[in-house]
Amino acid sequence: MLAFAANSILCRLALTQTAIDPAGFTLVRIASGAASLWLIARATGHAKAGAGSWRGAAALLAYAAAFSLAYLTMTAGTGALLLFGAVQATMILVGLYRGERLVLLQWGGLALALGGLALLLAPGLSAPDPLGALLMLVAGAAWGIYSLLGRASRDPIATTAGNFLRAAPMAAVLAALAGPLSGGGLRWDQGGLLYAVLSGALASGVGYSIWYAALPALTAARAASVQLSVPVITALVAVLALGERITPVLALSSVAVLGGIALVILGKSRRG
């Protein structure tokens, strides 16, 4: 969970304190993540030719690109809460579309979580930039789709490595197009490259590998529950590393969103 939270912190640090741009950050993050995961897959015997899918790679790139663009205008704590809320909401809504049924406790939790997101996005002094918020919601939806696509994988490390490898050339094309569209070329410096590599190779590559190694020992409800800590960790670290403030609106929204999702998970656990 620390690695997942680190992605938000590293991205925000890079975009606010170095010269790197979102397209460059995304490219370096995906490429270094692909290299790290390929090495991990080879070292652990999970390297498989043809692993992953182009759909998974496209969802991965959509998440990473929207994530980087959103953090141009959004604090790390707010971004992590929006991202996590959108991921969980996407997976719940897709489940409903596929015929899953919620009990009353779960419906109450879903309403509470959506209400928390609405509170966070409501116009006011503490509301995030509308475009940045929309981009982060898109990033969360894309990651939710990516997670759903990966559920059927029998070898998640191989699948994740394959998806990153496929996404790398796609990220290069996106970066090549982003330069002319923004009126200039890609921008980066030593600090920006370092943060992007740390995000890709460690927070993404090593972090995802540790998570997938731990998953078999966790029940589905416990695995979902432990992820509730990510926005909280991000907000607390952001206070120390970025000087951000935990506003009353962010705190109340966090309680509503995370508490609501916890109720959905609790209801699913009780049904199972």
Protein backbone atom coordinates (compact mmCIF):
# COMPACT_ATOMS: atom_id res chain seq x y z
CA MET A 1 0.00 0.00 0.00
CA LEU A 2 2.96 2.30 0.60
CA ALA A 3 4.08 1.70 -2.98
CA PHE A 4 0.62 2.52 -4.34
CA ALA A 5 0.52 5.73 -2.31
CA ALA A 6 4.05 6.58 -3.48
CA ASN A 7 2.85 6.86 -7.09
CA SER A 8 0.70 9.87 -6.19
CA ILE A 9 3.46 11.49 -4.12
CA LEU A 10 6.16 10.94 -6.76
CA CYS A 11 3.98 12.20 -9.59
CA ARG A 12 2.99 15.33 -7.70
CA LEU A 13 6.61 15.98 -6.69
CA ALA A 14 7.78 15.59 -10.28
CA LEU A 15 5.16 17.87 -11.80
CA THR A 16 5.43 20.63 -9.20
CA GLN A 17 9.15 20.64 -8.38
CA THR A 18 10.89 19.59 -11.61
CA ALA A 19 10.71 20.46 -15.31
CA ILE A 20 9.20 17.17 -16.50
CA ASP A 21 5.81 17.31 -18.22
CA PRO A 22 2.94 14.79 -17.83
CA ALA A 23 3.62 13.03 -21.16
CA GLY A 24 7.30 12.60 -20.33
CA PHE A 25 6.50 11.37 -16.83
CA THR A 26 4.01 8.84 -18.21
CA LEU A 27 6.47 7.56 -20.81
CA VAL A 28 9.33 7.11 -18.34
CA ARG A 29 7.03 5.58 -15.73
CA ILE A 30 5.63 2.99 -18.16
CA ALA A 31 9.00 2.19 -19.73
CA SER A 32 10.83 1.80 -16.41
CA GLY A 33 7.91 -0.22 -15.03
CA ALA A 34 8.10 -2.52 -18.06
CA ALA A 35 11.84 -3.03 -17.55
CA SER A 36 11.44 -3.67 -13.82
CA LEU A 37 8.57 -6.12 -14.26
CA TRP A 38 10.40 -7.96 -17.07
CA LEU A 39 13.41 -8.46 -14.78
CA ILE A 40 11.18 -9.58 -11.90
CA ALA A 41 9.28 -11.98 -14.17
CA ARG A 42 12.54 -13.46 -15.48
CA ALA A 43 14.02 -13.81 -11.99
CA THR A 44 10.92 -15.49 -10.56
CA GLY A 45 10.17 -17.77 -13.50
CA HIS A 46 7.04 -15.88 -14.57
CA ALA A 47 8.31 -14.64 -17.93
CA LYS A 48 5.90 -15.75 -20.65
CA ALA A 49 5.90 -14.75 -24.29
CA GLY A 50 2.60 -13.19 -25.31
CA ALA A 51 1.40 -12.56 -21.75
CA GLY A 52 -0.96 -9.65 -21.26
CA SER A 53 -3.24 -8.09 -23.85
CA TRP A 54 -3.56 -4.95 -25.94
CA ARG A 55 -6.84 -4.12 -24.19
CA GLY A 56 -5.08 -4.33 -20.85
CA ALA A 57 -2.22 -2.19 -22.15
CA ALA A 58 -4.64 0.44 -23.47
CA ALA A 59 -6.45 0.61 -20.11
CA LEU A 60 -3.09 0.85 -18.32
CA LEU A 61 -1.94 3.72 -20.55
CA ALA A 62 -5.27 5.55 -20.19
CA TYR A 63 -4.93 5.34 -16.42
CA ALA A 64 -1.29 6.48 -16.35
CA ALA A 65 -1.77 9.37 -18.80
CA ALA A 66 -4.92 10.75 -17.15
CA PHE A 67 -3.31 10.27 -13.71
CA SER A 68 -0.28 12.39 -14.69
CA LEU A 69 -2.36 15.14 -16.32
CA ALA A 70 -4.68 15.34 -13.31
CA TYR A 71 -1.81 15.93 -10.91
CA LEU A 72 -0.89 19.16 -12.67
CA THR A 73 -3.70 20.86 -10.75
CA MET A 74 -4.59 18.55 -7.87
CA THR A 75 -3.13 17.80 -4.46
CA ALA A 76 -1.91 14.27 -3.82
CA GLY A 77 -4.44 13.55 -1.07
CA THR A 78 -7.45 14.71 -3.08
CA GLY A 79 -6.22 12.90 -6.18
CA ALA A 80 -5.73 9.61 -4.35
CA LEU A 81 -9.23 9.76 -2.86
CA LEU A 82 -10.83 10.49 -6.25
CA LEU A 83 -8.76 7.79 -7.92
CA PHE A 84 -9.55 5.14 -5.33
CA GLY A 85 -13.24 6.06 -5.20
CA ALA A 86 -13.53 5.90 -9.00
CA VAL A 87 -11.74 2.53 -9.14
CA GLN A 88 -14.09 0.95 -6.62
CA ALA A 89 -17.21 2.61 -8.07
CA THR A 90 -16.31 1.35 -11.55
CA MET A 91 -15.86 -2.21 -10.36
CA ILE A 92 -19.11 -2.12 -8.35
CA LEU A 93 -21.09 -0.63 -11.26
CA VAL A 94 -19.69 -3.16 -13.73
CA GLY A 95 -20.64 -5.90 -11.28
CA LEU A 96 -24.21 -4.57 -11.16
CA TYR A 97 -24.33 -4.44 -14.96
CA ARG A 98 -23.23 -8.08 -15.05
CA GLY A 99 -26.04 -9.12 -12.75
CA GLU A 100 -24.55 -8.91 -9.25
CA ARG A 101 -27.00 -7.93 -6.53
CA LEU A 102 -26.35 -5.73 -3.53
CA VAL A 103 -27.98 -6.08 -0.12
CA LEU A 104 -29.39 -3.06 1.70
CA LEU A 105 -26.15 -2.48 3.64
CA GLN A 106 -24.19 -2.37 0.38
CA TRP A 107 -26.62 0.05 -1.27
CA GLY A 108 -26.27 2.31 1.75
CA GLY A 109 -22.48 2.09 1.50
CA LEU A 110 -22.51 2.88 -2.21
CA ALA A 111 -24.76 5.91 -1.63
CA LEU A 112 -22.49 7.12 1.18
CA ALA A 113 -19.37 6.76 -0.99
CA LEU A 114 -20.92 8.58 -3.95
CA GLY A 115 -22.14 11.29 -1.59
CA GLY A 116 -18.59 11.70 -0.29
CA LEU A 117 -17.28 12.14 -3.84
CA ALA A 118 -20.04 14.65 -4.57
CA LEU A 119 -19.09 16.62 -1.45
CA LEU A 120 -15.44 16.68 -2.50
CA LEU A 121 -16.34 17.91 -6.00
CA ALA A 122 -18.95 20.46 -4.92
CA PRO A 123 -18.07 24.04 -5.95
CA GLY A 124 -16.31 25.95 -3.21
CA LEU A 125 -12.96 27.20 -2.02
CA SER A 126 -11.64 23.68 -1.43
CA ALA A 127 -13.02 22.08 -4.60
CA PRO A 128 -10.38 20.63 -6.94
CA ASP A 129 -9.92 21.95 -10.47
CA PRO A 130 -12.86 20.56 -12.51
CA LEU A 131 -10.73 19.33 -15.41
CA GLY A 132 -8.19 17.78 -13.06
CA ALA A 133 -10.97 16.07 -11.12
CA LEU A 134 -12.50 14.73 -14.34
CA LEU A 135 -9.13 13.39 -15.48
CA MET A 136 -8.58 11.63 -12.14
CA LEU A 137 -12.03 10.06 -12.34
CA VAL A 138 -11.15 8.86 -15.86
CA ALA A 139 -7.88 7.45 -14.49
CA GLY A 140 -9.79 5.61 -11.77
CA ALA A 141 -12.32 4.20 -14.24
CA ALA A 142 -9.47 3.03 -16.50
CA TRP A 143 -7.71 1.34 -13.58
CA GLY A 144 -10.96 -0.29 -12.54
CA ILE A 145 -11.36 -1.70 -16.06
CA TYR A 146 -7.72 -2.81 -16.04
CA SER A 147 -8.31 -4.62 -12.75
CA LEU A 148 -11.43 -6.33 -14.09
CA LEU A 149 -9.56 -7.44 -17.22
CA GLY A 150 -6.83 -8.93 -15.03
CA ARG A 151 -9.13 -10.93 -12.76
CA ALA A 152 -9.05 -13.94 -15.06
CA SER A 153 -5.26 -14.06 -15.20
CA ARG A 154 -3.65 -17.18 -13.77
CA ASP A 155 -0.25 -15.48 -13.64
CA PRO A 156 -0.76 -11.81 -12.71
CA ILE A 157 2.97 -10.97 -12.66
CA ALA A 158 3.42 -12.25 -16.23
CA THR A 159 0.22 -10.50 -17.32
CA THR A 160 1.22 -7.21 -15.72
CA ALA A 161 4.71 -7.38 -17.25
CA GLY A 162 3.17 -8.09 -20.67
CA ASN A 163 0.74 -5.21 -20.35
CA PHE A 164 3.52 -2.78 -19.39
CA LEU A 165 5.67 -3.97 -22.30
CA ARG A 166 2.79 -3.42 -24.71
CA ALA A 167 1.97 -0.03 -23.20
CA ALA A 168 5.54 1.29 -23.54
CA PRO A 169 5.49 1.88 -27.34
CA MET A 170 1.96 3.27 -27.01
CA ALA A 171 3.22 5.73 -24.39
CA ALA A 172 6.07 6.71 -26.75
CA VAL A 173 3.58 7.51 -29.53
CA LEU A 174 1.45 9.50 -27.08
CA ALA A 175 4.51 11.44 -25.92
CA ALA A 176 5.54 12.15 -29.53
CA LEU A 177 2.07 13.55 -30.25
CA ALA A 178 1.87 15.51 -27.01
CA GLY A 179 4.87 17.71 -27.85
CA PRO A 180 3.45 19.37 -30.99
CA LEU A 181 -0.05 19.57 -29.48
CA SER A 182 1.26 21.46 -26.46
CA GLY A 183 3.31 23.83 -28.59
CA GLY A 184 6.70 22.40 -27.64
CA GLY A 185 8.69 19.24 -27.17
CA LEU A 186 8.86 16.95 -24.20
CA ARG A 187 10.41 18.48 -21.10
CA TRP A 188 12.37 16.71 -18.42
CA ASP A 189 15.35 17.14 -16.15
CA GLN A 190 17.38 14.92 -13.83
CA GLY A 191 14.99 15.26 -10.91
CA GLY A 192 11.92 14.62 -13.01
CA LEU A 193 13.47 11.54 -14.58
CA LEU A 194 14.43 10.22 -11.15
CA TYR A 195 10.90 10.59 -9.77
CA ALA A 196 9.41 8.97 -12.90
CA VAL A 197 11.81 6.01 -12.72
CA LEU A 198 11.09 5.55 -9.01
CA SER A 199 7.37 5.60 -9.78
CA GLY A 200 7.70 3.10 -12.62
CA ALA A 201 10.44 0.72 -11.47
CA LEU A 202 9.77 0.68 -7.71
CA ALA A 203 6.29 1.96 -6.84
CA SER A 204 4.71 0.28 -9.89
CA GLY A 205 6.97 -2.63 -10.85
CA VAL A 206 8.14 -3.83 -7.44
CA GLY A 207 4.96 -2.63 -5.69
CA TYR A 208 2.63 -4.56 -7.98
CA SER A 209 4.80 -7.68 -7.71
CA ILE A 210 4.66 -7.58 -3.90
CA TRP A 211 0.91 -7.07 -4.02
CA TYR A 212 0.32 -10.03 -6.33
CA ALA A 213 2.59 -12.19 -4.18
CA ALA A 214 0.54 -11.31 -1.09
CA LEU A 215 -2.89 -11.71 -2.71
CA PRO A 216 -3.10 -15.53 -2.46
CA ALA A 217 -2.89 -15.26 1.34
CA LEU A 218 -5.74 -12.72 1.53
CA THR A 219 -9.46 -13.21 1.19
CA ALA A 220 -11.17 -11.03 -1.42
CA ALA A 221 -12.78 -8.92 1.31
CA ARG A 222 -9.50 -8.43 3.17
CA ALA A 223 -7.64 -7.57 -0.04
CA ALA A 224 -10.25 -4.93 -0.84
CA SER A 225 -10.27 -3.65 2.74
CA VAL A 226 -6.54 -3.14 3.01
CA GLN A 227 -6.63 -0.90 -0.06
CA LEU A 228 -8.76 1.55 1.94
CA SER A 229 -5.51 2.65 3.56
CA VAL A 230 -4.02 4.03 0.32
CA PRO A 231 -5.77 7.45 0.24
CA VAL A 232 -5.13 7.89 3.97
CA ILE A 233 -1.42 7.07 3.62
CA THR A 234 -1.17 9.38 0.61
CA ALA A 235 -2.78 12.30 2.43
CA LEU A 236 -0.57 11.90 5.50
CA VAL A 237 2.66 11.58 3.50
CA ALA A 238 1.63 14.56 1.36
CA VAL A 239 1.46 16.70 4.48
CA LEU A 240 5.11 15.87 5.25
CA ALA A 241 6.56 15.68 1.73
CA LEU A 242 4.54 18.32 -0.11
CA GLY A 243 3.29 20.63 2.64
CA GLU A 244 -0.34 19.90 1.78
CA ARG A 245 -3.18 20.48 4.22
CA ILE A 246 -5.90 18.04 5.14
CA THR A 247 -8.94 20.29 4.84
CA PRO A 248 -12.21 19.63 6.70
CA VAL A 249 -13.91 18.86 3.37
CA LEU A 250 -11.22 16.35 2.39
CA ALA A 251 -11.38 14.71 5.82
CA LEU A 252 -15.18 14.43 5.76
CA SER A 253 -15.20 13.22 2.16
CA SER A 254 -12.56 10.60 3.00
CA VAL A 255 -14.64 9.27 5.90
CA ALA A 256 -17.73 9.05 3.66
CA VAL A 257 -16.01 7.51 0.63
CA LEU A 258 -13.83 5.02 2.50
CA GLY A 259 -16.55 4.20 5.02
CA GLY A 260 -19.07 3.65 2.25
CA ILE A 261 -16.75 1.34 0.35
CA ALA A 262 -16.04 -0.55 3.58
CA LEU A 263 -19.79 -1.15 3.98
CA VAL A 264 -19.98 -2.54 0.44
CA ILE A 265 -17.08 -4.87 1.20
CA LEU A 266 -18.60 -5.88 4.55
CA GLY A 267 -21.91 -6.69 2.89
CA LYS A 268 -20.15 -8.82 0.26
CA SER A 269 -18.19 -10.64 2.98
CA ARG A 270 -21.35 -11.41 4.94
CA ARG A 271 -23.13 -12.70 1.85
CA GLY A 272 -20.16 -14.93 1.00
